[in-house]
Amino acid sequence: MKNNFTREHLLYLRKIKTRNICVHIAQIGVLVLLLGLWELSAQLGWSDSFITSSPSRIWATLKELVASGTIWTHIWASTWETLAGFAIGTALGYAFAVILWWNAFLKEVFEPYVVVLNSLPKIALGPVIIILVGTDKAAIITMAVLISVVITTITILNGFLETDSEKALLLRSMGANRFQIFTKLVAPANVPTLMSTLKINVGMAWIGSIMGEYLASKEGLGYLLVYGKQVFRLDLVMTCTVVLCALAGLMYAIVAVIEKYVTRRY
């Protein structure tokens, strides 16, 4: 009986592994197919390669940027700004969520304002940000923080409020105070929520930093995008877009690996 159970378990694990491999192969196949159709469309004149560019032209532009060394300066600038906005926005959003969960009166007072801020297009605050903090990297990081902090606050607060109320009541009946309930129940129970928020904030932070570079920047991938548009180098625009996708995907993958490690402990 035990051998049958072990054999069935191994077959199940093998089936899951095979399926994951097939998914990865299919993902790569779809990417190769899309790139091939894109290149074929440009070569056969189905699309205007001046506007849509093509994988071969993007590759040539990327090699040119790498050879000149300028791409690394712009990648580092955008990555540093994004990481700073990501970290600060997540930390502040989590802290605000804790404060609003801790004090029901403050939650009722400020929750409508948080919702309104979330619906406000942050780009509208660009001129105000530039006036307040200047036109250097501080303005770009501020934009990234503004975009990620509100969504973090809302998501984490909702997770806190949805924590099992019966378990919280049990802890209160055993004499636990607010701090103990938070550290022993609420915070651990919302580790998956935090990990999901980090995944969301990867995209939010990149959006914020690129938007900030549109408004005020002398370096960064956002600056290159604006420059490429101004001089009608659309190959440069598409190349920067591809690099942004790669960087955002890499950052997301790192967060996903961290999520797997952390969720095993909770």
Protein backbone atom coordinates (compact mmCIF):
# COMPACT_ATOMS: atom_id res chain seq x y z
CA MET A 1 0.00 0.00 0.00
CA LYS A 2 2.81 2.34 0.94
CA ASN A 3 4.68 1.53 -2.29
CA ASN A 4 1.55 2.26 -4.34
CA PHE A 5 1.10 5.60 -2.58
CA THR A 6 4.76 6.49 -3.15
CA ARG A 7 4.54 5.49 -6.82
CA GLU A 8 1.38 7.55 -7.34
CA HIS A 9 2.97 10.52 -5.60
CA LEU A 10 6.06 10.29 -7.81
CA LEU A 11 3.87 10.05 -10.92
CA TYR A 12 1.96 13.13 -9.78
CA LEU A 13 5.17 15.09 -9.20
CA ARG A 14 6.50 13.99 -12.59
CA LYS A 15 3.26 15.11 -14.22
CA ILE A 16 3.50 18.54 -12.57
CA LYS A 17 7.15 18.88 -13.63
CA THR A 18 6.31 17.88 -17.21
CA ARG A 19 3.48 20.38 -17.33
CA ASN A 20 5.74 23.19 -16.06
CA ILE A 21 8.32 22.34 -18.71
CA CYS A 22 5.63 22.39 -21.40
CA VAL A 23 4.39 25.78 -20.16
CA HIS A 24 7.92 27.25 -20.35
CA ILE A 25 8.47 25.80 -23.83
CA ALA A 26 5.14 27.22 -24.98
CA GLN A 27 6.00 30.64 -23.52
CA ILE A 28 9.32 30.69 -25.38
CA GLY A 29 7.60 29.45 -28.53
CA VAL A 30 5.02 32.24 -28.41
CA LEU A 31 7.78 34.83 -27.97
CA VAL A 32 9.79 33.42 -30.88
CA LEU A 33 6.65 33.32 -33.05
CA LEU A 34 5.75 36.92 -32.27
CA LEU A 35 9.30 38.13 -32.95
CA GLY A 36 9.40 36.15 -36.18
CA LEU A 37 6.09 37.58 -37.39
CA TRP A 38 7.25 41.07 -36.42
CA GLU A 39 10.49 40.70 -38.39
CA LEU A 40 8.72 39.11 -41.34
CA SER A 41 6.14 41.89 -41.40
CA ALA A 42 8.89 44.50 -41.55
CA GLN A 43 10.93 42.67 -44.19
CA LEU A 44 7.95 42.08 -46.49
CA GLY A 45 6.59 45.59 -46.09
CA TRP A 46 3.39 44.58 -44.34
CA SER A 47 4.13 47.27 -41.77
CA ASP A 48 6.13 50.48 -41.83
CA SER A 49 9.42 49.53 -40.16
CA PHE A 50 10.22 53.21 -39.61
CA ILE A 51 7.29 53.39 -37.19
CA THR A 52 7.08 49.86 -35.79
CA SER A 53 10.79 49.08 -36.13
CA SER A 54 11.77 45.38 -36.19
CA PRO A 55 13.76 42.93 -34.01
CA SER A 56 16.81 43.20 -36.30
CA ARG A 57 16.79 47.01 -36.18
CA ILE A 58 16.30 46.97 -32.41
CA TRP A 59 19.23 44.56 -32.05
CA ALA A 60 21.42 46.83 -34.21
CA THR A 61 20.45 49.88 -32.14
CA LEU A 62 21.12 47.99 -28.90
CA LYS A 63 24.59 46.96 -30.10
CA GLU A 64 25.28 50.58 -31.02
CA LEU A 65 24.26 51.77 -27.53
CA VAL A 66 26.29 49.05 -25.84
CA ALA A 67 29.35 49.84 -27.97
CA SER A 68 29.16 53.52 -27.06
CA GLY A 69 28.59 52.68 -23.39
CA THR A 70 25.75 55.16 -22.98
CA ILE A 71 23.08 52.52 -22.38
CA TRP A 72 24.63 51.45 -19.06
CA THR A 73 24.48 54.97 -17.67
CA HIS A 74 20.81 55.28 -18.54
CA ILE A 75 19.96 51.78 -17.28
CA TRP A 76 21.67 52.43 -13.97
CA ALA A 77 19.94 55.79 -13.53
CA SER A 78 16.46 54.38 -14.16
CA THR A 79 17.08 51.22 -12.11
CA TRP A 80 18.38 53.17 -9.11
CA GLU A 81 15.44 55.57 -9.21
CA THR A 82 12.97 52.70 -9.56
CA LEU A 83 14.46 50.68 -6.71
CA ALA A 84 14.46 53.74 -4.45
CA GLY A 85 10.83 54.55 -5.27
CA PHE A 86 9.87 50.87 -4.92
CA ALA A 87 11.46 50.53 -1.47
CA ILE A 88 10.30 53.87 -0.07
CA GLY A 89 6.78 53.57 -1.50
CA THR A 90 6.31 50.03 -0.16
CA ALA A 91 7.68 50.89 3.28
CA LEU A 92 5.58 54.04 3.63
CA GLY A 93 2.46 52.31 2.31
CA TYR A 94 2.87 49.45 4.77
CA ALA A 95 3.41 51.90 7.63
CA PHE A 96 0.31 53.91 6.68
CA ALA A 97 -1.72 50.69 6.49
CA VAL A 98 -0.57 49.70 9.98
CA ILE A 99 -1.53 53.12 11.36
CA LEU A 100 -4.99 53.03 9.76
CA TRP A 101 -5.58 49.46 10.97
CA TRP A 102 -4.38 50.36 14.47
CA ASN A 103 -6.67 53.36 14.83
CA ALA A 104 -10.23 52.89 13.55
CA PHE A 105 -10.97 56.62 13.89
CA LEU A 106 -8.04 57.55 11.63
CA LYS A 107 -9.11 54.87 9.14
CA GLU A 108 -12.61 56.30 8.86
CA VAL A 109 -11.23 59.83 8.48
CA PHE A 110 -8.48 59.18 5.92
CA GLU A 111 -9.75 56.20 3.93
CA PRO A 112 -11.82 58.35 1.51
CA TYR A 113 -8.79 60.55 0.85
CA VAL A 114 -6.63 57.51 0.13
CA VAL A 115 -9.22 56.27 -2.38
CA VAL A 116 -9.34 59.68 -4.07
CA LEU A 117 -5.54 59.84 -4.26
CA ASN A 118 -5.50 56.40 -5.84
CA SER A 119 -7.85 57.55 -8.61
CA LEU A 120 -5.94 60.81 -9.21
CA PRO A 121 -3.61 60.73 -12.26
CA LYS A 122 -0.22 61.25 -10.61
CA ILE A 123 1.17 62.92 -13.73
CA ALA A 124 -1.08 65.89 -12.89
CA LEU A 125 1.06 66.48 -9.81
CA GLY A 126 4.23 66.65 -11.90
CA PRO A 127 4.54 70.46 -11.96
CA VAL A 128 3.88 70.64 -8.22
CA ILE A 129 6.52 67.99 -7.53
CA ILE A 130 9.08 69.84 -9.64
CA ILE A 131 8.38 73.10 -7.78
CA LEU A 132 8.61 71.40 -4.37
CA VAL A 133 11.64 69.12 -4.80
CA GLY A 134 13.34 70.44 -7.93
CA THR A 135 14.17 68.85 -11.27
CA ASP A 136 16.78 66.33 -10.15
CA LYS A 137 16.42 62.67 -9.15
CA ALA A 138 14.37 63.61 -6.09
CA ALA A 139 11.45 64.55 -8.35
CA ILE A 140 11.65 61.22 -10.21
CA ILE A 141 11.81 59.17 -7.01
CA THR A 142 8.94 61.20 -5.55
CA MET A 143 6.80 60.35 -8.56
CA ALA A 144 7.61 56.65 -8.18
CA VAL A 145 6.81 56.81 -4.47
CA LEU A 146 3.47 58.56 -5.03
CA ILE A 147 2.34 55.91 -7.49
CA SER A 148 3.29 52.92 -5.33
CA VAL A 149 2.52 54.21 -1.82
CA VAL A 150 -1.23 54.62 -2.30
CA ILE A 151 -1.84 51.22 -3.87
CA THR A 152 0.32 49.64 -1.17
CA THR A 153 -1.70 51.31 1.58
CA ILE A 154 -5.03 50.21 0.12
CA THR A 155 -3.97 46.62 -0.61
CA ILE A 156 -2.24 45.99 2.71
CA LEU A 157 -5.01 47.67 4.73
CA ASN A 158 -7.65 45.51 3.05
CA GLY A 159 -5.56 42.46 3.90
CA PHE A 160 -5.30 43.54 7.54
CA LEU A 161 -9.05 44.11 7.79
CA GLU A 162 -9.84 40.70 6.25
CA THR A 163 -7.72 38.80 8.77
CA ASP A 164 -9.69 36.11 10.59
CA SER A 165 -11.69 38.04 13.23
CA GLU A 166 -12.37 34.89 15.27
CA LYS A 167 -8.66 34.31 15.78
CA ALA A 168 -8.24 37.95 16.81
CA LEU A 169 -11.12 37.59 19.27
CA LEU A 170 -9.50 34.46 20.69
CA LEU A 171 -6.24 36.32 21.24
CA ARG A 172 -8.08 39.17 22.96
CA SER A 173 -9.85 36.69 25.25
CA MET A 174 -6.41 35.39 26.24
CA GLY A 175 -5.32 38.89 27.19
CA ALA A 176 -3.35 39.83 24.06
CA ASN A 177 -2.95 43.53 23.39
CA ARG A 178 -3.09 45.31 20.02
CA PHE A 179 0.63 44.96 19.40
CA GLN A 180 0.61 41.24 20.14
CA ILE A 181 -2.39 40.66 17.88
CA PHE A 182 -0.60 42.46 15.07
CA THR A 183 2.75 40.70 15.44
CA LYS A 184 1.37 37.22 16.17
CA LEU A 185 -1.63 37.15 13.83
CA VAL A 186 -2.23 40.05 11.45
CA ALA A 187 1.29 40.59 10.09
CA PRO A 188 2.13 36.89 9.56
CA ALA A 189 -1.27 36.21 8.00
CA ASN A 190 -0.70 38.97 5.45
CA VAL A 191 2.73 37.95 4.23
CA PRO A 192 1.15 36.63 0.99
CA THR A 193 -0.65 39.96 0.62
CA LEU A 194 2.64 41.81 1.04
CA MET A 195 4.31 39.59 -1.57
CA SER A 196 1.46 40.24 -4.02
CA THR A 197 1.78 43.96 -3.35
CA LEU A 198 5.51 43.82 -4.08
CA LYS A 199 4.74 42.27 -7.47
CA ILE A 200 2.28 45.06 -8.22
CA ASN A 201 4.74 47.70 -7.06
CA VAL A 202 7.39 46.49 -9.50
CA GLY A 203 5.27 47.81 -12.36
CA MET A 204 4.09 50.86 -10.42
CA ALA A 205 7.64 51.91 -9.53
CA TRP A 206 8.82 51.60 -13.14
CA ILE A 207 5.83 53.60 -14.34
CA GLY A 208 6.57 56.29 -11.76
CA SER A 209 10.26 56.56 -12.56
CA ILE A 210 9.70 56.72 -16.33
CA MET A 211 6.95 59.31 -15.87
CA GLY A 212 9.30 61.31 -13.68
CA GLU A 213 12.03 61.11 -16.31
CA TYR A 214 9.56 62.39 -18.90
CA LEU A 215 9.06 65.50 -16.77
CA ALA A 216 12.52 66.22 -15.47
CA SER A 217 15.61 64.22 -16.32
CA LYS A 218 18.93 64.41 -18.12
CA GLU A 219 19.55 60.66 -18.07
CA GLY A 220 17.64 57.41 -17.81
CA LEU A 221 15.58 55.27 -20.15
CA GLY A 222 12.67 57.69 -19.94
CA TYR A 223 14.99 60.46 -21.10
CA LEU A 224 16.12 58.27 -24.02
CA LEU A 225 12.48 57.61 -24.94
CA VAL A 226 11.74 61.34 -25.05
CA TYR A 227 14.95 62.03 -26.98
CA GLY A 228 14.19 59.30 -29.51
CA LYS A 229 10.71 60.75 -30.07
CA GLN A 230 12.04 64.27 -30.51
CA VAL A 231 14.63 63.29 -33.15
CA PHE A 232 12.31 60.69 -34.78
CA ARG A 233 14.63 57.79 -33.92
CA LEU A 234 11.83 55.31 -33.35
CA ASP A 235 14.31 52.42 -33.36
CA LEU A 236 15.77 54.00 -30.23
CA VAL A 237 12.30 54.30 -28.71
CA MET A 238 11.52 50.64 -29.35
CA THR A 239 14.94 49.56 -28.09
CA CYS A 240 14.42 51.43 -24.82
CA THR A 241 10.97 49.86 -24.53
CA VAL A 242 12.44 46.36 -24.92
CA VAL A 243 15.14 47.10 -22.35
CA LEU A 244 12.48 48.38 -19.94
CA CYS A 245 10.48 45.18 -20.40
CA ALA A 246 13.58 43.10 -19.70
CA LEU A 247 14.47 45.07 -16.55
CA ALA A 248 10.90 45.00 -15.23
CA GLY A 249 10.70 41.26 -15.93
CA LEU A 250 13.99 40.65 -14.12
CA MET A 251 12.85 42.66 -11.11
CA TYR A 252 9.53 40.79 -11.07
CA ALA A 253 11.37 37.45 -11.23
CA ILE A 254 13.52 38.42 -8.24
CA VAL A 255 10.41 39.30 -6.23
CA ALA A 256 8.82 35.98 -7.27
CA VAL A 257 11.86 34.06 -6.01
CA ILE A 258 11.73 35.97 -2.72
CA GLU A 259 8.01 35.19 -2.49
CA LYS A 260 8.63 31.44 -2.85
CA TYR A 261 11.26 31.54 -0.11
CA VAL A 262 9.20 33.66 2.28
CA THR A 263 5.84 31.89 1.82
CA ARG A 264 7.43 28.56 2.73
CA ARG A 265 7.91 29.93 6.22
CA TYR A 266 4.33 31.14 6.69
